[in-house]
Amino acid sequence: MLGAVAAGESAGGHASFVSAAQHMAALKPGAVDPNPRNAAAYDQLYARYLELHDHFGRGGTDLMSTLRHYRTRSD
């Protein structure tokens, strides 16, 4: 977006960030429903996300070794 504003209107860009955002971004109508077959994977990853949040927000854990386990498993 910065490039579009830095280019300016004369070069096909935009005069402001508001103008650039209005022309470059749009929400798609409707909701995205999760795939129920992937619920267990979603739950596992969300649990790790919460752990990551706590790790960086509140102090250290063994998170990195746990995440390495997920990378190397083959199920």
Protein backbone atom coordinates (compact mmCIF):
# COMPACT_ATOMS: atom_id res chain seq x y z
CA MET A 1 0.00 0.00 0.00
CA LEU A 2 2.88 2.34 0.75
CA GLY A 3 4.08 1.95 -2.83
CA ALA A 4 0.67 2.91 -4.20
CA VAL A 5 0.64 6.07 -2.09
CA ALA A 6 4.30 6.89 -2.75
CA ALA A 7 3.72 6.60 -6.51
CA GLY A 8 0.97 9.19 -6.31
CA GLU A 9 -2.11 9.62 -8.44
CA SER A 10 -0.20 10.82 -11.48
CA ALA A 11 1.59 7.46 -11.69
CA GLY A 12 -1.56 5.38 -11.19
CA GLY A 13 -1.30 5.26 -7.40
CA HIS A 14 -3.36 6.87 -4.71
CA ALA A 15 -3.31 10.22 -2.92
CA SER A 16 -3.76 8.74 0.58
CA PHE A 17 -3.73 5.50 2.55
CA VAL A 18 -7.49 5.76 2.96
CA SER A 19 -7.95 5.99 -0.81
CA ALA A 20 -5.54 3.09 -1.39
CA ALA A 21 -7.29 0.90 1.20
CA GLN A 22 -10.73 1.65 -0.25
CA HIS A 23 -9.59 0.61 -3.73
CA MET A 24 -7.26 -2.26 -2.85
CA ALA A 25 -9.10 -4.13 -0.10
CA ALA A 26 -12.53 -5.71 -0.03
CA LEU A 27 -14.34 -8.22 2.13
CA LYS A 28 -15.94 -11.20 0.49
CA PRO A 29 -19.57 -11.76 1.45
CA GLY A 30 -20.46 -14.80 3.51
CA ALA A 31 -18.76 -16.89 6.14
CA VAL A 32 -16.11 -19.55 5.83
CA ASP A 33 -17.04 -22.73 7.67
CA PRO A 34 -14.27 -25.00 8.94
CA ASN A 35 -14.04 -28.51 7.56
CA PRO A 36 -15.37 -30.83 10.32
CA ARG A 37 -12.96 -33.58 9.21
CA ASN A 38 -10.09 -31.33 10.25
CA ALA A 39 -11.48 -30.43 13.69
CA ALA A 40 -8.90 -32.49 15.59
CA ALA A 41 -6.03 -30.84 13.69
CA TYR A 42 -7.54 -27.39 14.27
CA ASP A 43 -7.85 -28.14 17.98
CA GLN A 44 -4.25 -29.36 18.23
CA LEU A 45 -2.87 -26.34 16.41
CA TYR A 46 -5.01 -23.94 18.42
CA ALA A 47 -3.74 -25.49 21.66
CA ARG A 48 -0.17 -24.91 20.43
CA TYR A 49 -1.07 -21.35 19.43
CA LEU A 50 -2.28 -20.69 22.97
CA GLU A 51 0.91 -22.20 24.35
CA LEU A 52 2.96 -20.02 22.01
CA HIS A 53 1.04 -16.96 23.15
CA ASP A 54 1.72 -17.82 26.78
CA HIS A 55 5.36 -18.64 26.05
CA PHE A 56 6.15 -15.27 24.55
CA GLY A 57 3.70 -13.31 26.68
CA ARG A 58 4.30 -14.84 30.09
CA GLY A 59 7.54 -16.83 30.19
CA GLY A 60 9.31 -19.85 28.72
CA THR A 61 8.09 -23.43 28.21
CA ASP A 62 9.30 -26.49 26.29
CA LEU A 63 7.24 -25.32 23.30
CA MET A 64 9.97 -25.49 20.66
CA SER A 65 10.77 -29.17 21.32
CA THR A 66 7.04 -29.96 21.18
CA LEU A 67 6.70 -28.16 17.84
CA ARG A 68 9.72 -30.05 16.45
CA HIS A 69 7.87 -33.26 17.31
CA TYR A 70 4.94 -32.16 15.11
CA ARG A 71 7.31 -31.40 12.24
CA THR A 72 8.96 -34.83 12.30
CA ARG A 73 5.95 -37.09 12.88
CA SER A 74 4.43 -38.85 9.89
CA ASP A 75 0.79 -39.65 10.62
